[in-house]
Amino acid sequence: IDPTWQPPPCDGDKATLPNFIDVVAKVKPSVVTIQT
């Protein structure tokens, strides 16, 4: 797909969010539905 692709960092050092509401707000835009 892309021979020059570099994987994103996997540091696991992001600040903890206060609740699930903030977690969903951050992650949901990156989640997709796949239909077949």
PDB file of all heavy atoms in Angstrom:
ATOM      1  N   ILE A   1       0.846  -1.194   0.000  1.00  0.00           N
ATOM      2  CA  ILE A   1       0.000   0.000   0.000  1.00  0.00           C
ATOM      3  C   ILE A   1       0.876   1.236   0.000  1.00  0.00           C
ATOM      4  O   ILE A   1       0.677   2.169  -0.785  1.00  0.00           O
ATOM      5  CB  ILE A   1      -0.933  -0.007   1.226  1.00  0.00           C
ATOM      6  CG1 ILE A   1      -1.995  -1.101   1.069  1.00  0.00           C
ATOM      7  CG2 ILE A   1      -1.594   1.356   1.420  1.00  0.00           C
ATOM      8  CD1 ILE A   1      -2.888  -1.268   2.277  1.00  0.00           C
ATOM      9  N   ASP A   2       1.896   1.253   0.865  1.00  0.00           N
ATOM     10  CA  ASP A   2       2.835   2.362   0.922  1.00  0.00           C
ATOM     11  C   ASP A   2       4.165   1.841   1.452  1.00  0.00           C
ATOM     12  O   ASP A   2       4.336   1.691   2.668  1.00  0.00           O
ATOM     13  CB  ASP A   2       2.296   3.471   1.826  1.00  0.00           C
ATOM     14  CG  ASP A   2       3.233   4.673   1.899  1.00  0.00           C
ATOM     15  OD1 ASP A   2       4.301   4.628   1.264  1.00  0.00           O
ATOM     16  OD2 ASP A   2       2.898   5.638   2.605  1.00  0.00           O
ATOM     17  N   PRO A   3       5.121   1.541   0.562  1.00  0.00           N
ATOM     18  CA  PRO A   3       6.399   0.963   1.005  1.00  0.00           C
ATOM     19  C   PRO A   3       7.189   1.876   1.926  1.00  0.00           C
ATOM     20  O   PRO A   3       8.083   1.409   2.636  1.00  0.00           O
ATOM     21  CB  PRO A   3       7.154   0.737  -0.311  1.00  0.00           C
ATOM     22  CG  PRO A   3       6.126   0.789  -1.379  1.00  0.00           C
ATOM     23  CD  PRO A   3       5.036   1.693  -0.898  1.00  0.00           C
ATOM     24  N   THR A   4       6.898   3.170   1.915  1.00  0.00           N
ATOM     25  CA  THR A   4       7.656   4.117   2.738  1.00  0.00           C
ATOM     26  C   THR A   4       6.933   4.484   4.031  1.00  0.00           C
ATOM     27  O   THR A   4       7.392   5.345   4.781  1.00  0.00           O
ATOM     28  CB  THR A   4       7.923   5.411   1.947  1.00  0.00           C
ATOM     29  OG1 THR A   4       6.670   6.059   1.654  1.00  0.00           O
ATOM     30  CG2 THR A   4       8.637   5.103   0.639  1.00  0.00           C
ATOM     31  N   TRP A   5       5.821   3.827   4.300  1.00  0.00           N
ATOM     32  CA  TRP A   5       4.995   4.184   5.457  1.00  0.00           C
ATOM     33  C   TRP A   5       5.757   3.981   6.762  1.00  0.00           C
ATOM     34  O   TRP A   5       6.441   2.966   6.951  1.00  0.00           O
ATOM     35  CB  TRP A   5       3.729   3.339   5.464  1.00  0.00           C
ATOM     36  CG  TRP A   5       2.740   3.715   6.527  1.00  0.00           C
ATOM     37  CD1 TRP A   5       1.897   4.778   6.512  1.00  0.00           C
ATOM     38  CD2 TRP A   5       2.462   3.014   7.746  1.00  0.00           C
ATOM     39  NE1 TRP A   5       1.113   4.781   7.642  1.00  0.00           N
ATOM     40  CE2 TRP A   5       1.441   3.721   8.416  1.00  0.00           C
ATOM     41  CE3 TRP A   5       2.977   1.857   8.333  1.00  0.00           C
ATOM     42  CZ2 TRP A   5       0.923   3.314   9.644  1.00  0.00           C
ATOM     43  CZ3 TRP A   5       2.467   1.453   9.558  1.00  0.00           C
ATOM     44  CH2 TRP A   5       1.453   2.181  10.208  1.00  0.00           C
ATOM     45  N   GLN A   6       5.621   4.910   7.645  1.00  0.00           N
ATOM     46  CA  GLN A   6       6.211   4.805   8.977  1.00  0.00           C
ATOM     47  C   GLN A   6       5.093   4.709  10.008  1.00  0.00           C
ATOM     48  O   GLN A   6       4.185   5.550  10.023  1.00  0.00           O
ATOM     49  CB  GLN A   6       7.074   6.032   9.279  1.00  0.00           C
ATOM     50  CG  GLN A   6       8.304   6.151   8.389  1.00  0.00           C
ATOM     51  CD  GLN A   6       9.297   5.027   8.643  1.00  0.00           C
ATOM     52  OE1 GLN A   6       9.525   4.636   9.795  1.00  0.00           O
ATOM     53  NE2 GLN A   6       9.897   4.512   7.584  1.00  0.00           N
ATOM     54  N   PRO A   7       5.122   3.697  10.865  1.00  0.00           N
ATOM     55  CA  PRO A   7       4.047   3.542  11.852  1.00  0.00           C
ATOM     56  C   PRO A   7       4.036   4.693  12.837  1.00  0.00           C
ATOM     57  O   PRO A   7       5.080   5.275  13.143  1.00  0.00           O
ATOM     58  CB  PRO A   7       4.380   2.219  12.544  1.00  0.00           C
ATOM     59  CG  PRO A   7       5.844   2.025  12.319  1.00  0.00           C
ATOM     60  CD  PRO A   7       6.138   2.643  10.987  1.00  0.00           C
ATOM     61  N   PRO A   8       2.857   5.043  13.340  1.00  0.00           N
ATOM     62  CA  PRO A   8       2.776   6.109  14.339  1.00  0.00           C
ATOM     63  C   PRO A   8       3.440   5.669  15.637  1.00  0.00           C
ATOM     64  O   PRO A   8       3.574   4.473  15.901  1.00  0.00           O
ATOM     65  CB  PRO A   8       1.274   6.307  14.532  1.00  0.00           C
ATOM     66  CG  PRO A   8       0.668   5.003  14.128  1.00  0.00           C
ATOM     67  CD  PRO A   8       1.544   4.463  13.039  1.00  0.00           C
ATOM     68  N   PRO A   9       3.865   6.614  16.442  1.00  0.00           N
ATOM     69  CA  PRO A   9       4.495   6.243  17.720  1.00  0.00           C
ATOM     70  C   PRO A   9       3.527   5.497  18.623  1.00  0.00           C
ATOM     71  O   PRO A   9       2.323   5.702  18.578  1.00  0.00           O
ATOM     72  CB  PRO A   9       4.890   7.594  18.327  1.00  0.00           C
ATOM     73  CG  PRO A   9       4.005   8.593  17.657  1.00  0.00           C
ATOM     74  CD  PRO A   9       3.768   8.070  16.271  1.00  0.00           C
ATOM     75  N   CYS A  10       4.085   4.611  19.419  1.00  0.00           N
ATOM     76  CA  CYS A  10       3.281   3.790  20.325  1.00  0.00           C
ATOM     77  C   CYS A  10       3.807   4.002  21.741  1.00  0.00           C
ATOM     78  O   CYS A  10       4.279   3.081  22.396  1.00  0.00           O
ATOM     79  CB  CYS A  10       3.368   2.325  19.914  1.00  0.00           C
ATOM     80  SG  CYS A  10       2.334   1.195  20.843  1.00  0.00           S
ATOM     81  N   ASP A  11       3.721   5.227  22.197  1.00  0.00           N
ATOM     82  CA  ASP A  11       4.342   5.588  23.471  1.00  0.00           C
ATOM     83  C   ASP A  11       3.470   5.259  24.676  1.00  0.00           C
ATOM     84  O   ASP A  11       3.961   4.928  25.741  1.00  0.00           O
ATOM     85  CB  ASP A  11       4.671   7.080  23.486  1.00  0.00           C
ATOM     86  CG  ASP A  11       5.668   7.444  22.400  1.00  0.00           C
ATOM     87  OD1 ASP A  11       6.496   6.578  22.071  1.00  0.00           O
ATOM     88  OD2 ASP A  11       5.601   8.570  21.886  1.00  0.00           O
ATOM     89  N   GLY A  12       2.158   5.415  24.511  1.00  0.00           N
ATOM     90  CA  GLY A  12       1.275   5.189  25.639  1.00  0.00           C
ATOM     91  C   GLY A  12       1.491   6.183  26.764  1.00  0.00           C
ATOM     92  O   GLY A  12       1.343   5.835  27.937  1.00  0.00           O
ATOM     93  N   ASP A  13       1.839   7.411  26.406  1.00  0.00           N
ATOM     94  CA  ASP A  13       2.143   8.388  27.457  1.00  0.00           C
ATOM     95  C   ASP A  13       1.200   9.581  27.445  1.00  0.00           C
ATOM     96  O   ASP A  13       1.502  10.628  28.002  1.00  0.00           O
ATOM     97  CB  ASP A  13       3.588   8.879  27.304  1.00  0.00           C
ATOM     98  CG  ASP A  13       3.840   9.536  25.940  1.00  0.00           C
ATOM     99  OD1 ASP A  13       2.911   9.539  25.106  1.00  0.00           O
ATOM    100  OD2 ASP A  13       4.965  10.023  25.726  1.00  0.00           O
ATOM    101  N   LYS A  14       0.044   9.431  26.797  1.00  0.00           N
ATOM    102  CA  LYS A  14      -0.911  10.529  26.771  1.00  0.00           C
ATOM    103  C   LYS A  14      -1.564  10.689  28.150  1.00  0.00           C
ATOM    104  O   LYS A  14      -1.690   9.727  28.917  1.00  0.00           O
ATOM    105  CB  LYS A  14      -1.990  10.264  25.717  1.00  0.00           C
ATOM    106  CG  LYS A  14      -1.453  10.146  24.279  1.00  0.00           C
ATOM    107  CD  LYS A  14      -0.907  11.467  23.793  1.00  0.00           C
ATOM    108  CE  LYS A  14      -0.562  11.417  22.310  1.00  0.00           C
ATOM    109  NZ  LYS A  14       0.443  10.420  21.973  1.00  0.00           N
ATOM    110  N   ALA A  15      -1.996  11.899  28.440  1.00  0.00           N
ATOM    111  CA  ALA A  15      -2.632  12.181  29.727  1.00  0.00           C
ATOM    112  C   ALA A  15      -3.971  11.472  29.834  1.00  0.00           C
ATOM    113  O   ALA A  15      -4.740  11.405  28.863  1.00  0.00           O
ATOM    114  CB  ALA A  15      -2.818  13.688  29.886  1.00  0.00           C
ATOM    115  N   THR A  16      -4.265  10.942  31.006  1.00  0.00           N
ATOM    116  CA  THR A  16      -5.541  10.273  31.236  1.00  0.00           C
ATOM    117  C   THR A  16      -6.673  11.302  31.208  1.00  0.00           C
ATOM    118  O   THR A  16      -6.580  12.364  31.822  1.00  0.00           O
ATOM    119  CB  THR A  16      -5.528   9.562  32.604  1.00  0.00           C
ATOM    120  OG1 THR A  16      -4.497   8.579  32.599  1.00  0.00           O
ATOM    121  CG2 THR A  16      -6.868   8.890  32.875  1.00  0.00           C
ATOM    122  N   LEU A  17      -7.737  10.960  30.496  1.00  0.00           N
ATOM    123  CA  LEU A  17      -8.898  11.845  30.408  1.00  0.00           C
ATOM    124  C   LEU A  17      -9.807  11.630  31.617  1.00  0.00           C
ATOM    125  O   LEU A  17      -9.809  10.546  32.217  1.00  0.00           O
ATOM    126  CB  LEU A  17      -9.644  11.586  29.104  1.00  0.00           C
ATOM    127  CG  LEU A  17      -8.818  11.877  27.840  1.00  0.00           C
ATOM    128  CD1 LEU A  17      -9.531  11.380  26.593  1.00  0.00           C
ATOM    129  CD2 LEU A  17      -8.516  13.363  27.732  1.00  0.00           C
ATOM    130  N   PRO A  18     -10.598  12.626  31.985  1.00  0.00           N
ATOM    131  CA  PRO A  18     -11.356  12.526  33.240  1.00  0.00           C
ATOM    132  C   PRO A  18     -12.487  11.516  33.231  1.00  0.00           C
ATOM    133  O   PRO A  18     -12.852  10.991  34.286  1.00  0.00           O
ATOM    134  CB  PRO A  18     -11.892  13.955  33.443  1.00  0.00           C
ATOM    135  CG  PRO A  18     -11.835  14.583  32.099  1.00  0.00           C
ATOM    136  CD  PRO A  18     -10.689  13.967  31.380  1.00  0.00           C
ATOM    137  N   ASN A  19     -13.066  11.215  32.055  1.00  0.00           N
ATOM    138  CA  ASN A  19     -14.209  10.295  32.029  1.00  0.00           C
ATOM    139  C   ASN A  19     -14.402   9.738  30.634  1.00  0.00           C
ATOM    140  O   ASN A  19     -13.719  10.143  29.675  1.00  0.00           O
ATOM    141  CB  ASN A  19     -15.489  11.012  32.507  1.00  0.00           C
ATOM    142  CG  ASN A  19     -15.707  12.318  31.762  1.00  0.00           C
ATOM    143  OD1 ASN A  19     -15.693  12.361  30.540  1.00  0.00           O
ATOM    144  ND2 ASN A  19     -15.890  13.407  32.508  1.00  0.00           N
ATOM    145  N   PHE A  20     -15.356   8.798  30.507  1.00  0.00           N
ATOM    146  CA  PHE A  20     -15.626   8.184  29.216  1.00  0.00           C
ATOM    147  C   PHE A  20     -16.177   9.181  28.194  1.00  0.00           C
ATOM    148  O   PHE A  20     -16.013   8.994  26.993  1.00  0.00           O
ATOM    149  CB  PHE A  20     -16.620   7.022  29.376  1.00  0.00           C
ATOM    150  CG  PHE A  20     -15.984   5.735  29.843  1.00  0.00           C
ATOM    151  CD1 PHE A  20     -16.525   5.020  30.900  1.00  0.00           C
ATOM    152  CD2 PHE A  20     -14.856   5.226  29.215  1.00  0.00           C
ATOM    153  CE1 PHE A  20     -15.955   3.825  31.327  1.00  0.00           C
ATOM    154  CE2 PHE A  20     -14.272   4.046  29.625  1.00  0.00           C
ATOM    155  CZ  PHE A  20     -14.826   3.338  30.693  1.00  0.00           C
ATOM    156  N   ILE A  21     -16.841  10.208  28.664  1.00  0.00           N
ATOM    157  CA  ILE A  21     -17.376  11.216  27.746  1.00  0.00           C
ATOM    158  C   ILE A  21     -16.240  11.834  26.926  1.00  0.00           C
ATOM    159  O   ILE A  21     -16.324  11.960  25.701  1.00  0.00           O
ATOM    160  CB  ILE A  21     -18.141  12.311  28.519  1.00  0.00           C
ATOM    161  CG1 ILE A  21     -19.368  11.715  29.206  1.00  0.00           C
ATOM    162  CG2 ILE A  21     -18.551  13.442  27.581  1.00  0.00           C
ATOM    163  CD1 ILE A  21     -20.096  12.695  30.120  1.00  0.00           C
ATOM    164  N   ASP A  22     -15.161  12.180  27.609  1.00  0.00           N
ATOM    165  CA  ASP A  22     -14.024  12.772  26.920  1.00  0.00           C
ATOM    166  C   ASP A  22     -13.295  11.754  26.044  1.00  0.00           C
ATOM    167  O   ASP A  22     -12.762  12.098  24.986  1.00  0.00           O
ATOM    168  CB  ASP A  22     -13.058  13.387  27.941  1.00  0.00           C
ATOM    169  CG  ASP A  22     -13.669  14.565  28.671  1.00  0.00           C
ATOM    170  OD1 ASP A  22     -14.305  15.407  28.023  1.00  0.00           O
ATOM    171  OD2 ASP A  22     -13.531  14.627  29.906  1.00  0.00           O
ATOM    172  N   VAL A  23     -13.249  10.503  26.500  1.00  0.00           N
ATOM    173  CA  VAL A  23     -12.621   9.442  25.698  1.00  0.00           C
ATOM    174  C   VAL A  23     -13.360   9.283  24.378  1.00  0.00           C
ATOM    175  O   VAL A  23     -12.752   9.229  23.295  1.00  0.00           O
ATOM    176  CB  VAL A  23     -12.600   8.116  26.473  1.00  0.00           C
ATOM    177  CG1 VAL A  23     -12.185   6.962  25.552  1.00  0.00           C
ATOM    178  CG2 VAL A  23     -11.657   8.199  27.666  1.00  0.00           C
ATOM    179  N   VAL A  24     -14.686   9.201  24.443  1.00  0.00           N
ATOM    180  CA  VAL A  24     -15.483   9.034  23.225  1.00  0.00           C
ATOM    181  C   VAL A  24     -15.336  10.248  22.309  1.00  0.00           C
ATOM    182  O   VAL A  24     -15.197  10.122  21.086  1.00  0.00           O
ATOM    183  CB  VAL A  24     -16.963   8.804  23.577  1.00  0.00           C
ATOM    184  CG1 VAL A  24     -17.827   8.803  22.315  1.00  0.00           C
ATOM    185  CG2 VAL A  24     -17.120   7.482  24.324  1.00  0.00           C
ATOM    186  N   ALA A  25     -15.349  11.437  22.882  1.00  0.00           N
ATOM    187  CA  ALA A  25     -15.205  12.653  22.082  1.00  0.00           C
ATOM    188  C   ALA A  25     -13.882  12.661  21.317  1.00  0.00           C
ATOM    189  O   ALA A  25     -13.813  13.131  20.176  1.00  0.00           O
ATOM    190  CB  ALA A  25     -15.302  13.879  22.981  1.00  0.00           C
ATOM    191  N   LYS A  26     -12.838  12.118  21.938  1.00  0.00           N
ATOM    192  CA  LYS A  26     -11.533  12.085  21.290  1.00  0.00           C
ATOM    193  C   LYS A  26     -11.440  11.007  20.209  1.00  0.00           C
ATOM    194  O   LYS A  26     -10.895  11.243  19.123  1.00  0.00           O
ATOM    195  CB  LYS A  26     -10.434  11.850  22.336  1.00  0.00           C
ATOM    196  CG  LYS A  26      -9.042  11.734  21.738  1.00  0.00           C
ATOM    197  CD  LYS A  26      -7.996  11.455  22.805  1.00  0.00           C
ATOM    198  CE  LYS A  26      -6.625  11.258  22.149  1.00  0.00           C
ATOM    199  NZ  LYS A  26      -5.564  10.956  23.147  1.00  0.00           N
ATOM    200  N   VAL A  27     -11.975   9.813  20.488  1.00  0.00           N
ATOM    201  CA  VAL A  27     -11.744   8.662  19.622  1.00  0.00           C
ATOM    202  C   VAL A  27     -12.790   8.525  18.520  1.00  0.00           C
ATOM    203  O   VAL A  27     -12.479   8.111  17.392  1.00  0.00           O
ATOM    204  CB  VAL A  27     -11.684   7.366  20.461  1.00  0.00           C
ATOM    205  CG1 VAL A  27     -11.460   6.153  19.559  1.00  0.00           C
ATOM    206  CG2 VAL A  27     -10.600   7.462  21.513  1.00  0.00           C
ATOM    207  N   LYS A  28     -14.036   8.846  18.798  1.00  0.00           N
ATOM    208  CA  LYS A  28     -15.136   8.573  17.864  1.00  0.00           C
ATOM    209  C   LYS A  28     -14.896   9.115  16.452  1.00  0.00           C
ATOM    210  O   LYS A  28     -15.232   8.435  15.466  1.00  0.00           O
ATOM    211  CB  LYS A  28     -16.442   9.111  18.435  1.00  0.00           C
ATOM    212  CG  LYS A  28     -17.679   8.769  17.610  1.00  0.00           C
ATOM    213  CD  LYS A  28     -18.938   9.165  18.373  1.00  0.00           C
ATOM    214  CE  LYS A  28     -20.195   8.932  17.542  1.00  0.00           C
ATOM    215  NZ  LYS A  28     -20.342   9.961  16.481  1.00  0.00           N
ATOM    216  N   PRO A  29     -14.317  10.316  16.262  1.00  0.00           N
ATOM    217  CA  PRO A  29     -14.070  10.781  14.890  1.00  0.00           C
ATOM    218  C   PRO A  29     -13.145   9.877  14.072  1.00  0.00           C
ATOM    219  O   PRO A  29     -13.148   9.940  12.836  1.00  0.00           O
ATOM    220  CB  PRO A  29     -13.434  12.166  15.102  1.00  0.00           C
ATOM    221  CG  PRO A  29     -13.948  12.612  16.435  1.00  0.00           C
ATOM    222  CD  PRO A  29     -13.992  11.362  17.258  1.00  0.00           C
ATOM    223  N   SER A  30     -12.363   9.029  14.748  1.00  0.00           N
ATOM    224  CA  SER A  30     -11.435   8.133  14.054  1.00  0.00           C
ATOM    225  C   SER A  30     -12.033   6.760  13.769  1.00  0.00           C
ATOM    226  O   SER A  30     -11.386   5.926  13.131  1.00  0.00           O
ATOM    227  CB  SER A  30     -10.163   7.946  14.894  1.00  0.00           C
ATOM    228  OG  SER A  30      -9.561   9.181  15.194  1.00  0.00           O
ATOM    229  N   VAL A  31     -13.249   6.506  14.263  1.00  0.00           N
ATOM    230  CA  VAL A  31     -13.888   5.198  14.104  1.00  0.00           C
ATOM    231  C   VAL A  31     -14.817   5.229  12.896  1.00  0.00           C
ATOM    232  O   VAL A  31     -15.555   6.197  12.702  1.00  0.00           O
ATOM    233  CB  VAL A  31     -14.661   4.798  15.372  1.00  0.00           C
ATOM    234  CG1 VAL A  31     -15.274   3.410  15.217  1.00  0.00           C
ATOM    235  CG2 VAL A  31     -13.730   4.845  16.590  1.00  0.00           C
ATOM    236  N   VAL A  32     -14.792   4.166  12.097  1.00  0.00           N
ATOM    237  CA  VAL A  32     -15.594   4.121  10.875  1.00  0.00           C
ATOM    238  C   VAL A  32     -16.502   2.897  10.878  1.00  0.00           C
ATOM    239  O   VAL A  32     -16.245   1.906  11.565  1.00  0.00           O
ATOM    240  CB  VAL A  32     -14.697   4.078   9.614  1.00  0.00           C
ATOM    241  CG1 VAL A  32     -13.736   5.263   9.598  1.00  0.00           C
ATOM    242  CG2 VAL A  32     -13.933   2.756   9.512  1.00  0.00           C
ATOM    243  N   THR A  33     -17.563   3.008  10.105  1.00  0.00           N
ATOM    244  CA  THR A  33     -18.435   1.861   9.824  1.00  0.00           C
ATOM    245  C   THR A  33     -18.003   1.249   8.499  1.00  0.00           C
ATOM    246  O   THR A  33     -17.744   1.972   7.529  1.00  0.00           O
ATOM    247  CB  THR A  33     -19.897   2.300   9.729  1.00  0.00           C
ATOM    248  OG1 THR A  33     -20.335   2.726  11.023  1.00  0.00           O
ATOM    249  CG2 THR A  33     -20.793   1.174   9.248  1.00  0.00           C
ATOM    250  N   ILE A  34     -17.910  -0.065   8.465  1.00  0.00           N
ATOM    251  CA  ILE A  34     -17.538  -0.781   7.241  1.00  0.00           C
ATOM    252  C   ILE A  34     -18.724  -1.622   6.801  1.00  0.00           C
ATOM    253  O   ILE A  34     -19.191  -2.489   7.541  1.00  0.00           O
ATOM    254  CB  ILE A  34     -16.303  -1.664   7.465  1.00  0.00           C
ATOM    255  CG1 ILE A  34     -15.111  -0.796   7.896  1.00  0.00           C
ATOM    256  CG2 ILE A  34     -15.964  -2.447   6.203  1.00  0.00           C
ATOM    257  CD1 ILE A  34     -13.843  -1.565   8.169  1.00  0.00           C
ATOM    258  N   GLN A  35     -19.218  -1.355   5.595  1.00  0.00           N
ATOM    259  CA  GLN A  35     -20.377  -2.060   5.062  1.00  0.00           C
ATOM    260  C   GLN A  35     -19.963  -2.928   3.878  1.00  0.00           C
ATOM    261  O   GLN A  35     -19.246  -2.465   2.993  1.00  0.00           O
ATOM    262  CB  GLN A  35     -21.456  -1.057   4.642  1.00  0.00           C
ATOM    263  CG  GLN A  35     -21.989  -0.204   5.791  1.00  0.00           C
ATOM    264  CD  GLN A  35     -22.918   0.905   5.331  1.00  0.00           C
ATOM    265  OE1 GLN A  35     -22.788   1.415   4.229  1.00  0.00           O
ATOM    266  NE2 GLN A  35     -23.849   1.283   6.190  1.00  0.00           N
ATOM    267  N   THR A  36     -20.405  -4.183   3.885  1.00  0.00           N
ATOM    268  CA  THR A  36     -20.182  -5.093   2.768  1.00  0.00           C
ATOM    269  C   THR A  36     -21.501  -5.742   2.394  1.00  0.00           C
ATOM    270  O   THR A  36     -22.512  -5.551   3.077  1.00  0.00           O
ATOM    271  CB  THR A  36     -19.166  -6.196   3.126  1.00  0.00           C
ATOM    272  OG1 THR A  36     -19.780  -7.121   4.053  1.00  0.00           O
ATOM    273  CG2 THR A  36     -17.911  -5.615   3.769  1.00  0.00           C
TER     274      THR A  36
END
